[in-house]
């Protein structure tokens, strides 16, 4: 099967499987799993933070960040399209008693900082206390500019807010921007990074910040059921993903650009190749036949998600040959239909 649904579907490489089988382990809840400790230390140094915490999922990493920055009755500002607002089960509100204040995202994925300023609550007991601004990079495959993130840092400093980045695909953002990862992370108080998307690990995310911040997150991780025991088995693969995964993301971006250009040649689809900045391509089905297309492709061993628009994601298990198979199958579907 060729799977274009998401970069979360990647399978661990043979090198990752071997590392997992031979990983030196301890009990991470006691803090003595050497492979986890090594991963966290490497990640903190590589991304320019004092400390890091290995978590089972990106959802938990983001939740830990919000709950570590905010208390009960506090609020965080975020985009209307933010993953930690729309797609993480309302965890901040349900489990942290932290109120989200969503702001409509701009077409480029950013949040208008003037709108954010107006959303900050007055120091009045009628209101939740605004404590945090949360951004996302990449967001829907779009890349926030370094200059915008610099402005967001200055905005938070001016208004005494903390700044968190949902950086699930932050390495995609760095590759697309052409900068070192620290040119992005330097502006944030905390960053979450997903290791099981484009980087290719089977499981896991990281949360990074100051030592005090990570200590708070560690306590919360235990409370939320995220304390894993011999987690070095997972951390071994995660270390390889973190070291090697970023080196090949440009291939995913090139395949996505190639796919977008090919889809744009199919009259039944509405695609703007200029909007494909990283590894995510969006296509609208002009005839509303997305579900029929999904079924036809599945019969040929190709998996997509039928949405409006359809989202195609390239990753390490999708090469140029797979993209060509997808394009040929879609062209054939519309030609014969």
C-alpha atoms as a PDB file:
ATOM      1  CA  UNK A   1       0.000   0.000   0.000  1.00  0.00           C
ATOM      2  CA  UNK A   2       1.111   3.555  -0.761  1.00  0.00           C
ATOM      3  CA  UNK A   3      -0.188   5.869   1.940  1.00  0.00           C
ATOM      4  CA  UNK A   4      -0.599   9.605   1.330  1.00  0.00           C
ATOM      5  CA  UNK A   5      -2.827  10.322   4.353  1.00  0.00           C
ATOM      6  CA  UNK A   6      -0.119  11.709   6.632  1.00  0.00           C
ATOM      7  CA  UNK A   7       3.575  11.556   7.486  1.00  0.00           C
ATOM      8  CA  UNK A   8       2.542   9.832  10.734  1.00  0.00           C
ATOM      9  CA  UNK A   9       2.216   6.556   8.794  1.00  0.00           C
ATOM     10  CA  UNK A  10       5.975   6.125   8.281  1.00  0.00           C
ATOM     11  CA  UNK A  11       7.438   2.807   9.345  1.00  0.00           C
ATOM     12  CA  UNK A  12      10.683   2.523  11.303  1.00  0.00           C
ATOM     13  CA  UNK A  13      13.754   1.821   9.219  1.00  0.00           C
ATOM     14  CA  UNK A  14      15.859  -1.306   9.592  1.00  0.00           C
ATOM     15  CA  UNK A  15      18.421   0.790  11.476  1.00  0.00           C
ATOM     16  CA  UNK A  16      15.750   1.970  13.891  1.00  0.00           C
ATOM     17  CA  UNK A  17      14.491  -1.570  14.475  1.00  0.00           C
ATOM     18  CA  UNK A  18      18.024  -2.777  15.214  1.00  0.00           C
ATOM     19  CA  UNK A  19      18.613   0.116  17.610  1.00  0.00           C
ATOM     20  CA  UNK A  20      15.349  -0.633  19.401  1.00  0.00           C
ATOM     21  CA  UNK A  21      16.235  -4.296  19.761  1.00  0.00           C
ATOM     22  CA  UNK A  22      19.636  -3.465  21.244  1.00  0.00           C
ATOM     23  CA  UNK A  23      18.743  -0.377  23.285  1.00  0.00           C
ATOM     24  CA  UNK A  24      20.197  -0.036  26.765  1.00  0.00           C
ATOM     25  CA  UNK A  25      17.256   0.597  29.064  1.00  0.00           C
ATOM     26  CA  UNK A  26      16.339   1.478  32.630  1.00  0.00           C
ATOM     27  CA  UNK A  27      13.197   2.779  34.284  1.00  0.00           C
ATOM     28  CA  UNK A  28      12.456   6.224  32.898  1.00  0.00           C
ATOM     29  CA  UNK A  29       9.958   7.060  35.657  1.00  0.00           C
ATOM     30  CA  UNK A  30      12.910   6.794  38.030  1.00  0.00           C
ATOM     31  CA  UNK A  31      14.946   8.827  35.543  1.00  0.00           C
ATOM     32  CA  UNK A  32      17.509   6.101  34.956  1.00  0.00           C
ATOM     33  CA  UNK A  33      16.870   4.997  31.384  1.00  0.00           C
ATOM     34  CA  UNK A  34      20.191   5.957  29.742  1.00  0.00           C
ATOM     35  CA  UNK A  35      18.843   5.964  26.190  1.00  0.00           C
ATOM     36  CA  UNK A  36      16.006   8.328  27.086  1.00  0.00           C
ATOM     37  CA  UNK A  37      18.382  10.558  29.028  1.00  0.00           C
ATOM     38  CA  UNK A  38      20.789  10.664  26.105  1.00  0.00           C
ATOM     39  CA  UNK A  39      17.992  11.558  23.677  1.00  0.00           C
ATOM     40  CA  UNK A  40      16.762  14.374  25.924  1.00  0.00           C
ATOM     41  CA  UNK A  41      20.236  15.797  26.432  1.00  0.00           C
ATOM     42  CA  UNK A  42      21.000  15.659  22.701  1.00  0.00           C
ATOM     43  CA  UNK A  43      17.677  17.266  21.784  1.00  0.00           C
ATOM     44  CA  UNK A  44      18.103  20.103  24.284  1.00  0.00           C
ATOM     45  CA  UNK A  45      21.565  20.907  22.960  1.00  0.00           C
ATOM     46  CA  UNK A  46      20.574  20.590  19.306  1.00  0.00           C
ATOM     47  CA  UNK A  47      17.542  22.868  19.624  1.00  0.00           C
ATOM     48  CA  UNK A  48      19.120  25.362  21.984  1.00  0.00           C
ATOM     49  CA  UNK A  49      17.280  24.727  25.261  1.00  0.00           C
ATOM     50  CA  UNK A  50      18.316  23.871  28.805  1.00  0.00           C
ATOM     51  CA  UNK A  51      16.266  20.669  28.981  1.00  0.00           C
ATOM     52  CA  UNK A  52      13.952  18.333  27.093  1.00  0.00           C
ATOM     53  CA  UNK A  53      11.299  15.750  27.944  1.00  0.00           C
ATOM     54  CA  UNK A  54      10.398  12.665  25.892  1.00  0.00           C
ATOM     55  CA  UNK A  55       6.633  12.193  25.628  1.00  0.00           C
ATOM     56  CA  UNK A  56       4.451   9.523  24.012  1.00  0.00           C
ATOM     57  CA  UNK A  57       2.645  11.952  21.702  1.00  0.00           C
ATOM     58  CA  UNK A  58       2.658  15.489  20.357  1.00  0.00           C
ATOM     59  CA  UNK A  59      -0.776  16.013  21.855  1.00  0.00           C
ATOM     60  CA  UNK A  60       0.622  15.326  25.306  1.00  0.00           C
ATOM     61  CA  UNK A  61       3.671  17.512  24.679  1.00  0.00           C
ATOM     62  CA  UNK A  62       1.455  20.459  23.771  1.00  0.00           C
ATOM     63  CA  UNK A  63      -0.851  19.834  26.722  1.00  0.00           C
ATOM     64  CA  UNK A  64       2.115  19.684  29.106  1.00  0.00           C
ATOM     65  CA  UNK A  65       3.375  22.975  27.682  1.00  0.00           C
ATOM     66  CA  UNK A  66       0.072  24.775  28.146  1.00  0.00           C
ATOM     67  CA  UNK A  67      -0.444  23.384  31.648  1.00  0.00           C
ATOM     68  CA  UNK A  68       3.149  24.209  32.643  1.00  0.00           C
ATOM     69  CA  UNK A  69       2.808  27.811  31.458  1.00  0.00           C
ATOM     70  CA  UNK A  70      -0.763  28.365  32.680  1.00  0.00           C
ATOM     71  CA  UNK A  71      -2.797  27.590  35.773  1.00  0.00           C
ATOM     72  CA  UNK A  72      -6.498  27.011  36.399  1.00  0.00           C
ATOM     73  CA  UNK A  73      -8.471  30.018  35.214  1.00  0.00           C
ATOM     74  CA  UNK A  74      -5.712  31.223  32.893  1.00  0.00           C
ATOM     75  CA  UNK A  75      -6.005  31.527  29.133  1.00  0.00           C
ATOM     76  CA  UNK A  76      -3.828  30.982  26.090  1.00  0.00           C
ATOM     77  CA  UNK A  77      -4.083  32.714  22.719  1.00  0.00           C
ATOM     78  CA  UNK A  78      -3.863  30.532  19.629  1.00  0.00           C
ATOM     79  CA  UNK A  79      -4.931  30.293  16.005  1.00  0.00           C
ATOM     80  CA  UNK A  80      -8.421  29.163  15.066  1.00  0.00           C
ATOM     81  CA  UNK A  81      -6.717  26.451  12.986  1.00  0.00           C
ATOM     82  CA  UNK A  82      -4.156  25.523  15.645  1.00  0.00           C
ATOM     83  CA  UNK A  83      -3.729  21.813  16.215  1.00  0.00           C
ATOM     84  CA  UNK A  84      -3.729  22.232  20.007  1.00  0.00           C
ATOM     85  CA  UNK A  85      -7.082  24.005  19.727  1.00  0.00           C
ATOM     86  CA  UNK A  86      -8.939  22.052  17.041  1.00  0.00           C
ATOM     87  CA  UNK A  87      -7.475  18.552  17.019  1.00  0.00           C
ATOM     88  CA  UNK A  88      -6.357  17.666  20.539  1.00  0.00           C
ATOM     89  CA  UNK A  89      -9.671  16.954  22.196  1.00  0.00           C
ATOM     90  CA  UNK A  90      -9.901  20.239  24.075  1.00  0.00           C
ATOM     91  CA  UNK A  91      -7.341  18.896  26.532  1.00  0.00           C
ATOM     92  CA  UNK A  92      -6.174  22.270  27.829  1.00  0.00           C
ATOM     93  CA  UNK A  93      -9.714  23.178  28.881  1.00  0.00           C
ATOM     94  CA  UNK A  94     -10.837  19.702  29.954  1.00  0.00           C
ATOM     95  CA  UNK A  95      -7.745  18.608  31.855  1.00  0.00           C
ATOM     96  CA  UNK A  96      -5.952  21.866  32.620  1.00  0.00           C
ATOM     97  CA  UNK A  97      -8.877  24.254  33.183  1.00  0.00           C
ATOM     98  CA  UNK A  98      -7.050  26.598  30.818  1.00  0.00           C
ATOM     99  CA  UNK A  99      -9.280  28.582  28.476  1.00  0.00           C
ATOM    100  CA  UNK A 100      -8.278  28.801  24.810  1.00  0.00           C
ATOM    101  CA  UNK A 101      -8.848  32.127  23.056  1.00  0.00           C
ATOM    102  CA  UNK A 102      -8.742  31.328  19.338  1.00  0.00           C
ATOM    103  CA  UNK A 103      -7.950  34.028  16.782  1.00  0.00           C
ATOM    104  CA  UNK A 104      -8.547  33.571  13.072  1.00  0.00           C
ATOM    105  CA  UNK A 105      -5.367  32.571  11.273  1.00  0.00           C
ATOM    106  CA  UNK A 106      -4.159  34.731   8.429  1.00  0.00           C
ATOM    107  CA  UNK A 107      -3.848  33.117   4.966  1.00  0.00           C
ATOM    108  CA  UNK A 108      -0.131  32.518   5.602  1.00  0.00           C
ATOM    109  CA  UNK A 109      -0.849  30.703   8.874  1.00  0.00           C
ATOM    110  CA  UNK A 110       0.221  33.490  11.201  1.00  0.00           C
ATOM    111  CA  UNK A 111      -1.863  35.281  13.826  1.00  0.00           C
ATOM    112  CA  UNK A 112      -2.333  39.013  13.383  1.00  0.00           C
ATOM    113  CA  UNK A 113      -0.544  40.393  16.429  1.00  0.00           C
ATOM    114  CA  UNK A 114      -2.857  43.408  16.599  1.00  0.00           C
ATOM    115  CA  UNK A 115      -5.809  41.030  16.873  1.00  0.00           C
ATOM    116  CA  UNK A 116      -3.888  39.127  19.523  1.00  0.00           C
ATOM    117  CA  UNK A 117      -3.301  42.356  21.429  1.00  0.00           C
ATOM    118  CA  UNK A 118      -7.016  43.107  21.440  1.00  0.00           C
ATOM    119  CA  UNK A 119      -7.725  39.579  22.708  1.00  0.00           C
ATOM    120  CA  UNK A 120      -5.555  39.984  25.809  1.00  0.00           C
ATOM    121  CA  UNK A 121      -7.844  40.267  28.815  1.00  0.00           C
ATOM    122  CA  UNK A 122      -7.758  43.182  31.215  1.00  0.00           C
ATOM    123  CA  UNK A 123      -6.549  42.558  34.758  1.00  0.00           C
ATOM    124  CA  UNK A 124     -10.091  42.144  36.065  1.00  0.00           C
ATOM    125  CA  UNK A 125     -11.575  39.229  38.020  1.00  0.00           C
ATOM    126  CA  UNK A 126     -14.348  38.947  35.447  1.00  0.00           C
ATOM    127  CA  UNK A 127     -11.858  37.577  32.940  1.00  0.00           C
ATOM    128  CA  UNK A 128      -9.494  34.688  32.548  1.00  0.00           C
ATOM    129  CA  UNK A 129      -5.859  35.731  32.855  1.00  0.00           C
ATOM    130  CA  UNK A 130      -4.026  35.773  29.530  1.00  0.00           C
ATOM    131  CA  UNK A 131      -0.685  34.028  30.054  1.00  0.00           C
ATOM    132  CA  UNK A 132       0.481  32.471  26.804  1.00  0.00           C
ATOM    133  CA  UNK A 133       0.615  32.862  23.028  1.00  0.00           C
ATOM    134  CA  UNK A 134       0.840  29.569  21.139  1.00  0.00           C
ATOM    135  CA  UNK A 135       1.967  29.485  17.504  1.00  0.00           C
ATOM    136  CA  UNK A 136       2.359  26.586  15.078  1.00  0.00           C
ATOM    137  CA  UNK A 137       5.120  26.117  12.473  1.00  0.00           C
ATOM    138  CA  UNK A 138       4.515  24.590  10.027  1.00  0.00           C
ATOM    139  CA  UNK A 139       0.726  25.018  10.054  1.00  0.00           C
ATOM    140  CA  UNK A 140      -1.203  23.268   7.311  1.00  0.00           C
ATOM    141  CA  UNK A 141       2.111  22.979   5.492  1.00  0.00           C
ATOM    142  CA  UNK A 142       2.644  26.755   5.634  1.00  0.00           C
ATOM    143  CA  UNK A 143       5.839  28.221   7.038  1.00  0.00           C
ATOM    144  CA  UNK A 144       5.992  31.155   9.440  1.00  0.00           C
ATOM    145  CA  UNK A 145       8.712  33.620   8.517  1.00  0.00           C
ATOM    146  CA  UNK A 146      11.610  34.133  10.904  1.00  0.00           C
ATOM    147  CA  UNK A 147      10.801  37.854  10.960  1.00  0.00           C
ATOM    148  CA  UNK A 148       7.224  37.176  12.069  1.00  0.00           C
ATOM    149  CA  UNK A 149       8.426  34.919  14.859  1.00  0.00           C
ATOM    150  CA  UNK A 150      10.818  37.653  15.955  1.00  0.00           C
ATOM    151  CA  UNK A 151       7.877  40.056  16.103  1.00  0.00           C
ATOM    152  CA  UNK A 152       5.868  37.516  18.120  1.00  0.00           C
ATOM    153  CA  UNK A 153       8.707  37.325  20.656  1.00  0.00           C
ATOM    154  CA  UNK A 154       8.770  41.098  21.018  1.00  0.00           C
ATOM    155  CA  UNK A 155       4.961  41.123  21.348  1.00  0.00           C
ATOM    156  CA  UNK A 156       5.076  38.582  24.174  1.00  0.00           C
ATOM    157  CA  UNK A 157       7.848  40.452  25.948  1.00  0.00           C
ATOM    158  CA  UNK A 158       5.833  43.674  25.722  1.00  0.00           C
ATOM    159  CA  UNK A 159       2.709  42.064  27.156  1.00  0.00           C
ATOM    160  CA  UNK A 160       4.446  39.736  29.634  1.00  0.00           C
ATOM    161  CA  UNK A 161       3.259  36.565  27.918  1.00  0.00           C
ATOM    162  CA  UNK A 162       5.032  33.266  27.450  1.00  0.00           C
ATOM    163  CA  UNK A 163       5.501  32.011  23.877  1.00  0.00           C
ATOM    164  CA  UNK A 164       5.032  28.344  22.921  1.00  0.00           C
ATOM    165  CA  UNK A 165       5.568  26.741  19.536  1.00  0.00           C
ATOM    166  CA  UNK A 166       3.733  23.660  18.387  1.00  0.00           C
ATOM    167  CA  UNK A 167       6.673  22.611  16.251  1.00  0.00           C
ATOM    168  CA  UNK A 168       5.405  19.192  15.244  1.00  0.00           C
ATOM    169  CA  UNK A 169       6.966  19.818  11.815  1.00  0.00           C
ATOM    170  CA  UNK A 170       9.498  22.446  12.869  1.00  0.00           C
ATOM    171  CA  UNK A 171      12.294  20.743  10.944  1.00  0.00           C
ATOM    172  CA  UNK A 172      10.201  20.999   7.774  1.00  0.00           C
ATOM    173  CA  UNK A 173       9.918  24.705   8.524  1.00  0.00           C
ATOM    174  CA  UNK A 174      13.664  25.064   8.987  1.00  0.00           C
ATOM    175  CA  UNK A 175      14.423  23.204   5.744  1.00  0.00           C
ATOM    176  CA  UNK A 176      11.904  25.309   3.809  1.00  0.00           C
ATOM    177  CA  UNK A 177      13.286  28.509   5.349  1.00  0.00           C
ATOM    178  CA  UNK A 178      16.883  27.471   4.723  1.00  0.00           C
ATOM    179  CA  UNK A 179      17.990  28.123   8.288  1.00  0.00           C
ATOM    180  CA  UNK A 180      19.328  26.181  11.232  1.00  0.00           C
ATOM    181  CA  UNK A 181      16.659  24.985  13.630  1.00  0.00           C
ATOM    182  CA  UNK A 182      17.971  27.273  16.380  1.00  0.00           C
ATOM    183  CA  UNK A 183      17.162  30.332  14.242  1.00  0.00           C
ATOM    184  CA  UNK A 184      13.526  29.425  14.926  1.00  0.00           C
ATOM    185  CA  UNK A 185      13.631  27.975  18.441  1.00  0.00           C
ATOM    186  CA  UNK A 186      15.541  30.950  19.868  1.00  0.00           C
ATOM    187  CA  UNK A 187      12.341  33.005  20.012  1.00  0.00           C
ATOM    188  CA  UNK A 188      10.312  30.573  22.137  1.00  0.00           C
ATOM    189  CA  UNK A 189      10.000  29.735  25.810  1.00  0.00           C
ATOM    190  CA  UNK A 190       8.975  26.199  24.875  1.00  0.00           C
ATOM    191  CA  UNK A 191       8.772  24.069  21.748  1.00  0.00           C
ATOM    192  CA  UNK A 192       7.194  20.699  21.026  1.00  0.00           C
ATOM    193  CA  UNK A 193       8.663  18.524  18.267  1.00  0.00           C
ATOM    194  CA  UNK A 194       7.035  15.433  16.786  1.00  0.00           C
ATOM    195  CA  UNK A 195       9.497  12.632  16.049  1.00  0.00           C
ATOM    196  CA  UNK A 196       6.945  10.289  14.489  1.00  0.00           C
ATOM    197  CA  UNK A 197       5.919  12.450  11.517  1.00  0.00           C
ATOM    198  CA  UNK A 198       8.391  13.360   8.809  1.00  0.00           C
ATOM    199  CA  UNK A 199      11.384  12.406  10.930  1.00  0.00           C
ATOM    200  CA  UNK A 200      10.214   8.798  10.850  1.00  0.00           C
ATOM    201  CA  UNK A 201      10.270   7.508  14.432  1.00  0.00           C
ATOM    202  CA  UNK A 202       7.525   4.997  15.271  1.00  0.00           C
ATOM    203  CA  UNK A 203       6.467   6.802  18.477  1.00  0.00           C
ATOM    204  CA  UNK A 204       7.236   9.924  20.427  1.00  0.00           C
ATOM    205  CA  UNK A 205       7.569  13.688  20.696  1.00  0.00           C
ATOM    206  CA  UNK A 206       9.772  16.062  22.650  1.00  0.00           C
ATOM    207  CA  UNK A 207       8.997  19.097  24.762  1.00  0.00           C
ATOM    208  CA  UNK A 208      11.823  21.581  25.263  1.00  0.00           C
ATOM    209  CA  UNK A 209      12.303  24.561  27.573  1.00  0.00           C
ATOM    210  CA  UNK A 210      14.117  25.748  30.685  1.00  0.00           C
ATOM    211  CA  UNK A 211      15.038  23.309  33.448  1.00  0.00           C
ATOM    212  CA  UNK A 212      12.331  24.671  35.737  1.00  0.00           C
ATOM    213  CA  UNK A 213       9.742  24.453  32.979  1.00  0.00           C
ATOM    214  CA  UNK A 214      10.659  20.838  32.139  1.00  0.00           C
ATOM    215  CA  UNK A 215      10.544  19.909  35.829  1.00  0.00           C
ATOM    216  CA  UNK A 216       6.959  21.176  35.960  1.00  0.00           C
ATOM    217  CA  UNK A 217       6.156  19.292  32.773  1.00  0.00           C
ATOM    218  CA  UNK A 218       7.707  16.107  34.174  1.00  0.00           C
ATOM    219  CA  UNK A 219       5.377  16.185  37.179  1.00  0.00           C
ATOM    220  CA  UNK A 220       2.396  16.797  34.902  1.00  0.00           C
ATOM    221  CA  UNK A 221       3.466  14.024  32.528  1.00  0.00           C
ATOM    222  CA  UNK A 222       3.254  11.564  35.414  1.00  0.00           C
ATOM    223  CA  UNK A 223      -0.161  12.944  36.389  1.00  0.00           C
ATOM    224  CA  UNK A 224      -1.428  12.515  32.823  1.00  0.00           C
ATOM    225  CA  UNK A 225      -0.230   8.942  32.528  1.00  0.00           C
ATOM    226  CA  UNK A 226       2.747   9.652  30.314  1.00  0.00           C
ATOM    227  CA  UNK A 227       5.394   8.083  32.529  1.00  0.00           C
ATOM    228  CA  UNK A 228       6.852   5.181  30.546  1.00  0.00           C
ATOM    229  CA  UNK A 229       9.181   2.575  31.988  1.00  0.00           C
ATOM    230  CA  UNK A 230      11.760   0.991  29.665  1.00  0.00           C
ATOM    231  CA  UNK A 231      11.145   3.773  27.152  1.00  0.00           C
ATOM    232  CA  UNK A 232      14.697   3.561  25.846  1.00  0.00           C
ATOM    233  CA  UNK A 233      13.397   1.055  23.319  1.00  0.00           C
ATOM    234  CA  UNK A 234      11.407   3.906  21.781  1.00  0.00           C
ATOM    235  CA  UNK A 235      14.021   6.569  22.420  1.00  0.00           C
ATOM    236  CA  UNK A 236      16.609   4.606  20.447  1.00  0.00           C
ATOM    237  CA  UNK A 237      14.556   4.977  17.283  1.00  0.00           C
ATOM    238  CA  UNK A 238      13.683   8.553  18.175  1.00  0.00           C
ATOM    239  CA  UNK A 239      17.382   9.467  18.430  1.00  0.00           C
ATOM    240  CA  UNK A 240      18.012   8.176  14.909  1.00  0.00           C
ATOM    241  CA  UNK A 241      14.976  10.075  13.658  1.00  0.00           C
ATOM    242  CA  UNK A 242      16.165  13.299  15.266  1.00  0.00           C
ATOM    243  CA  UNK A 243      19.708  12.948  13.940  1.00  0.00           C
ATOM    244  CA  UNK A 244      19.004  11.671  10.443  1.00  0.00           C
ATOM    245  CA  UNK A 245      15.404  12.598   9.636  1.00  0.00           C
ATOM    246  CA  UNK A 246      16.001  16.307   8.992  1.00  0.00           C
ATOM    247  CA  UNK A 247      18.703  15.500   6.424  1.00  0.00           C
ATOM    248  CA  UNK A 248      16.204  14.103   3.927  1.00  0.00           C
ATOM    249  CA  UNK A 249      13.148  16.337   4.406  1.00  0.00           C
ATOM    250  CA  UNK A 250      14.080  18.290   1.271  1.00  0.00           C
ATOM    251  CA  UNK A 251      13.193  15.124  -0.660  1.00  0.00           C
ATOM    252  CA  UNK A 252       9.657  15.177   0.764  1.00  0.00           C
ATOM    253  CA  UNK A 253       9.330  18.838  -0.169  1.00  0.00           C
ATOM    254  CA  UNK A 254      10.517  18.183  -3.706  1.00  0.00           C
ATOM    255  CA  UNK A 255       8.103  15.276  -4.097  1.00  0.00           C
ATOM    256  CA  UNK A 256       5.247  17.425  -2.794  1.00  0.00           C
ATOM    257  CA  UNK A 257       6.073  20.193  -5.273  1.00  0.00           C
ATOM    258  CA  UNK A 258       6.212  17.622  -8.070  1.00  0.00           C
ATOM    259  CA  UNK A 259       2.865  16.171  -6.965  1.00  0.00           C
ATOM    260  CA  UNK A 260       1.238  19.605  -6.794  1.00  0.00           C
ATOM    261  CA  UNK A 261       2.422  20.445 -10.301  1.00  0.00           C
ATOM    262  CA  UNK A 262       1.086  17.126 -11.599  1.00  0.00           C
ATOM    263  CA  UNK A 263      -2.287  17.499  -9.893  1.00  0.00           C
ATOM    264  CA  UNK A 264      -2.628  21.014 -11.303  1.00  0.00           C
ATOM    265  CA  UNK A 265      -2.585  19.474 -14.796  1.00  0.00           C
ATOM    266  CA  UNK A 266      -5.736  17.463 -14.049  1.00  0.00           C
ATOM    267  CA  UNK A 267      -8.765  19.599 -15.026  1.00  0.00           C
ATOM    268  CA  UNK A 268     -11.074  17.961 -12.466  1.00  0.00           C
ATOM    269  CA  UNK A 269      -8.895  19.201  -9.606  1.00  0.00           C
ATOM    270  CA  UNK A 270      -8.292  22.706  -8.304  1.00  0.00           C
ATOM    271  CA  UNK A 271      -4.664  23.005  -7.164  1.00  0.00           C
ATOM    272  CA  UNK A 272      -2.362  25.996  -6.761  1.00  0.00           C
ATOM    273  CA  UNK A 273       1.214  24.625  -6.770  1.00  0.00           C
ATOM    274  CA  UNK A 274       2.560  27.925  -5.404  1.00  0.00           C
ATOM    275  CA  UNK A 275       0.860  27.165  -2.069  1.00  0.00           C
ATOM    276  CA  UNK A 276       2.885  23.976  -1.527  1.00  0.00           C
ATOM    277  CA  UNK A 277       5.765  25.059   0.691  1.00  0.00           C
ATOM    278  CA  UNK A 278       6.704  21.827   2.464  1.00  0.00           C
ATOM    279  CA  UNK A 279       5.364  18.248   2.321  1.00  0.00           C
ATOM    280  CA  UNK A 280       1.595  18.884   2.253  1.00  0.00           C
ATOM    281  CA  UNK A 281      -0.485  19.356  -0.902  1.00  0.00           C
ATOM    282  CA  UNK A 282      -4.146  20.388  -1.014  1.00  0.00           C
ATOM    283  CA  UNK A 283      -6.474  19.685  -3.952  1.00  0.00           C
ATOM    284  CA  UNK A 284     -10.166  20.455  -4.324  1.00  0.00           C
ATOM    285  CA  UNK A 285     -12.293  18.088  -6.394  1.00  0.00           C
ATOM    286  CA  UNK A 286     -14.290  20.309  -8.756  1.00  0.00           C
ATOM    287  CA  UNK A 287     -16.915  17.603  -9.302  1.00  0.00           C
ATOM    288  CA  UNK A 288     -17.297  16.594  -5.654  1.00  0.00           C
ATOM    289  CA  UNK A 289     -16.129  13.036  -6.270  1.00  0.00           C
ATOM    290  CA  UNK A 290     -13.504  12.802  -3.539  1.00  0.00           C
ATOM    291  CA  UNK A 291     -15.065   9.734  -1.913  1.00  0.00           C
ATOM    292  CA  UNK A 292     -15.319   7.939  -5.264  1.00  0.00           C
ATOM    293  CA  UNK A 293     -11.687   8.782  -5.943  1.00  0.00           C
ATOM    294  CA  UNK A 294     -10.659   7.439  -2.542  1.00  0.00           C
ATOM    295  CA  UNK A 295     -12.373   4.090  -3.242  1.00  0.00           C
ATOM    296  CA  UNK A 296     -10.896   3.821  -6.727  1.00  0.00           C
ATOM    297  CA  UNK A 297      -7.387   4.501  -5.450  1.00  0.00           C
ATOM    298  CA  UNK A 298      -7.777   2.053  -2.557  1.00  0.00           C
ATOM    299  CA  UNK A 299      -8.556  -0.686  -5.089  1.00  0.00           C
ATOM    300  CA  UNK A 300      -5.137   0.049  -6.592  1.00  0.00           C
ATOM    301  CA  UNK A 301      -3.277   0.025  -3.289  1.00  0.00           C
ATOM    302  CA  UNK A 302      -3.159   3.784  -2.780  1.00  0.00           C
ATOM    303  CA  UNK A 303      -4.602   5.335   0.406  1.00  0.00           C
ATOM    304  CA  UNK A 304      -5.822   8.924   0.684  1.00  0.00           C
ATOM    305  CA  UNK A 305      -8.195  10.831   2.956  1.00  0.00           C
ATOM    306  CA  UNK A 306     -11.272  12.129   1.145  1.00  0.00           C
ATOM    307  CA  UNK A 307     -11.746  15.690   2.358  1.00  0.00           C
ATOM    308  CA  UNK A 308     -12.611  19.073   0.926  1.00  0.00           C
ATOM    309  CA  UNK A 309      -9.889  19.776   0.074  1.00  0.00           C
ATOM    310  CA  UNK A 310      -8.100  16.453  -0.228  1.00  0.00           C
ATOM    311  CA  UNK A 311      -4.801  16.519   1.650  1.00  0.00           C
ATOM    312  CA  UNK A 312      -1.825  14.590   0.277  1.00  0.00           C
ATOM    313  CA  UNK A 313       1.290  14.250   2.448  1.00  0.00           C
ATOM    314  CA  UNK A 314       4.697  13.095   1.241  1.00  0.00           C
ATOM    315  CA  UNK A 315       7.133  11.314   3.557  1.00  0.00           C
ATOM    316  CA  UNK A 316      10.022   8.862   3.677  1.00  0.00           C
ATOM    317  CA  UNK A 317       7.853   5.920   2.561  1.00  0.00           C
ATOM    318  CA  UNK A 318       6.695   7.823  -0.556  1.00  0.00           C
ATOM    319  CA  UNK A 319       9.257   8.207  -3.338  1.00  0.00           C
ATOM    320  CA  UNK A 320       8.972   9.778  -6.806  1.00  0.00           C
ATOM    321  CA  UNK A 321       7.790   6.480  -8.259  1.00  0.00           C
ATOM    322  CA  UNK A 322       4.912   6.381  -5.755  1.00  0.00           C
ATOM    323  CA  UNK A 323       3.946   9.939  -6.658  1.00  0.00           C
ATOM    324  CA  UNK A 324       3.898   8.989 -10.328  1.00  0.00           C
ATOM    325  CA  UNK A 325       1.666   6.007  -9.545  1.00  0.00           C
ATOM    326  CA  UNK A 326      -0.729   8.293  -7.692  1.00  0.00           C
ATOM    327  CA  UNK A 327      -0.858  10.834 -10.522  1.00  0.00           C
ATOM    328  CA  UNK A 328      -1.428   8.143 -13.143  1.00  0.00           C
ATOM    329  CA  UNK A 329      -4.214   6.571 -11.103  1.00  0.00           C
ATOM    330  CA  UNK A 330      -5.979   9.911 -10.562  1.00  0.00           C
ATOM    331  CA  UNK A 331      -5.698  10.839 -14.228  1.00  0.00           C
ATOM    332  CA  UNK A 332      -7.111   7.444 -15.194  1.00  0.00           C
ATOM    333  CA  UNK A 333     -10.019   7.794 -12.730  1.00  0.00           C
ATOM    334  CA  UNK A 334     -11.169  11.111 -14.171  1.00  0.00           C
ATOM    335  CA  UNK A 335     -10.520  10.103 -17.763  1.00  0.00           C
ATOM    336  CA  UNK A 336     -12.562   6.930 -17.448  1.00  0.00           C
ATOM    337  CA  UNK A 337     -15.246   8.468 -15.218  1.00  0.00           C
END
